[in-house]
């Protein structure tokens, strides 16, 4: 039987994964999120233009979705999920 470890958050606070459309520059992304204090903006998959975004102040996914929708050139933004470890009982 498998059980999920207790008290493990499903998402890392302040971290998001996003994908930008072709032609969006890193400086445009920095300008889009600068008000939340960017700790890290790192390219993950070049062909997909995916990035790891780590913010000092986490405004929440809803706020970021509104902001990226208004920008109009972000394919998606989602919380950075944490893989859960499972304990097995013999």
Protein backbone atom coordinates (compact mmCIF):
# COMPACT_ATOMS: atom_id res chain seq x y z
CA UNK A 1 0.00 0.00 0.00
CA UNK A 2 1.22 3.51 -0.81
CA UNK A 3 0.70 6.59 1.33
CA UNK A 4 1.62 10.20 0.64
CA UNK A 5 3.94 11.76 3.18
CA UNK A 6 2.06 14.11 5.47
CA UNK A 7 2.50 17.90 5.45
CA UNK A 8 4.25 18.07 2.07
CA UNK A 9 3.13 21.07 0.00
CA UNK A 10 2.13 20.23 -3.57
CA UNK A 11 3.71 23.39 -4.97
CA UNK A 12 6.86 25.33 -4.25
CA UNK A 13 5.89 28.77 -2.93
CA UNK A 14 6.72 31.58 -5.35
CA UNK A 15 7.84 29.30 -8.20
CA UNK A 16 6.10 29.05 -11.55
CA UNK A 17 6.68 27.42 -14.91
CA UNK A 18 5.69 29.43 -17.97
CA UNK A 19 5.94 29.18 -21.74
CA UNK A 20 6.28 32.25 -23.93
CA UNK A 21 5.45 32.64 -27.59
CA UNK A 22 8.20 32.94 -30.16
CA UNK A 23 9.85 36.35 -30.16
CA UNK A 24 9.26 37.15 -26.47
CA UNK A 25 12.57 38.24 -24.97
CA UNK A 26 13.87 37.60 -21.49
CA UNK A 27 13.89 41.36 -20.87
CA UNK A 28 10.15 41.48 -21.71
CA UNK A 29 9.51 38.68 -19.22
CA UNK A 30 11.56 40.46 -16.56
CA UNK A 31 9.57 43.67 -17.14
CA UNK A 32 6.29 41.73 -16.89
CA UNK A 33 7.09 40.23 -13.47
CA UNK A 34 9.53 42.78 -11.97
CA UNK A 35 6.96 44.20 -9.51
CA UNK A 36 7.02 40.87 -7.63
CA UNK A 37 10.82 40.77 -7.28
CA UNK A 38 12.37 38.21 -9.63
CA UNK A 39 14.78 35.91 -7.81
CA UNK A 40 15.29 33.65 -10.81
CA UNK A 41 14.21 33.50 -14.45
CA UNK A 42 15.82 30.47 -16.03
CA UNK A 43 15.28 28.90 -19.44
CA UNK A 44 14.24 25.24 -19.13
CA UNK A 45 13.33 24.02 -22.62
CA UNK A 46 14.59 26.23 -25.43
CA UNK A 47 12.37 24.83 -28.22
CA UNK A 48 9.25 25.25 -26.07
CA UNK A 49 10.44 28.60 -24.68
CA UNK A 50 9.69 27.38 -21.15
CA UNK A 51 11.05 29.14 -18.09
CA UNK A 52 11.31 28.65 -14.35
CA UNK A 53 10.23 31.84 -12.61
CA UNK A 54 10.97 32.34 -8.92
CA UNK A 55 9.45 35.40 -7.25
CA UNK A 56 10.30 37.12 -3.98
CA UNK A 57 6.66 38.11 -3.42
CA UNK A 58 4.14 35.50 -4.56
CA UNK A 59 0.93 37.21 -5.78
CA UNK A 60 -0.76 33.88 -6.52
CA UNK A 61 -1.56 32.06 -9.71
CA UNK A 62 -4.79 33.96 -10.44
CA UNK A 63 -3.01 37.34 -10.42
CA UNK A 64 -0.22 36.03 -12.64
CA UNK A 65 -2.70 34.48 -15.07
CA UNK A 66 -4.51 37.83 -15.40
CA UNK A 67 -1.21 39.61 -15.96
CA UNK A 68 0.00 37.13 -18.61
CA UNK A 69 -3.39 37.14 -20.37
CA UNK A 70 -3.23 40.94 -20.60
CA UNK A 71 0.32 40.66 -21.99
CA UNK A 72 -1.05 38.27 -24.62
CA UNK A 73 2.16 36.43 -25.53
CA UNK A 74 2.40 33.79 -22.80
CA UNK A 75 1.11 30.31 -23.70
CA UNK A 76 0.65 29.19 -20.10
CA UNK A 77 1.78 29.77 -16.55
CA UNK A 78 1.42 27.24 -13.74
CA UNK A 79 2.76 26.59 -10.28
CA UNK A 80 5.97 24.58 -10.08
CA UNK A 81 4.81 21.23 -8.76
CA UNK A 82 6.79 19.26 -6.23
CA UNK A 83 7.02 15.55 -6.84
CA UNK A 84 5.65 13.64 -3.88
CA UNK A 85 7.58 10.75 -2.38
CA UNK A 86 5.64 7.68 -1.42
CA UNK A 87 6.28 5.30 1.44
CA UNK A 88 5.62 1.65 0.82
CA UNK A 89 4.48 -0.71 3.52
CA UNK A 90 5.69 -4.32 3.19
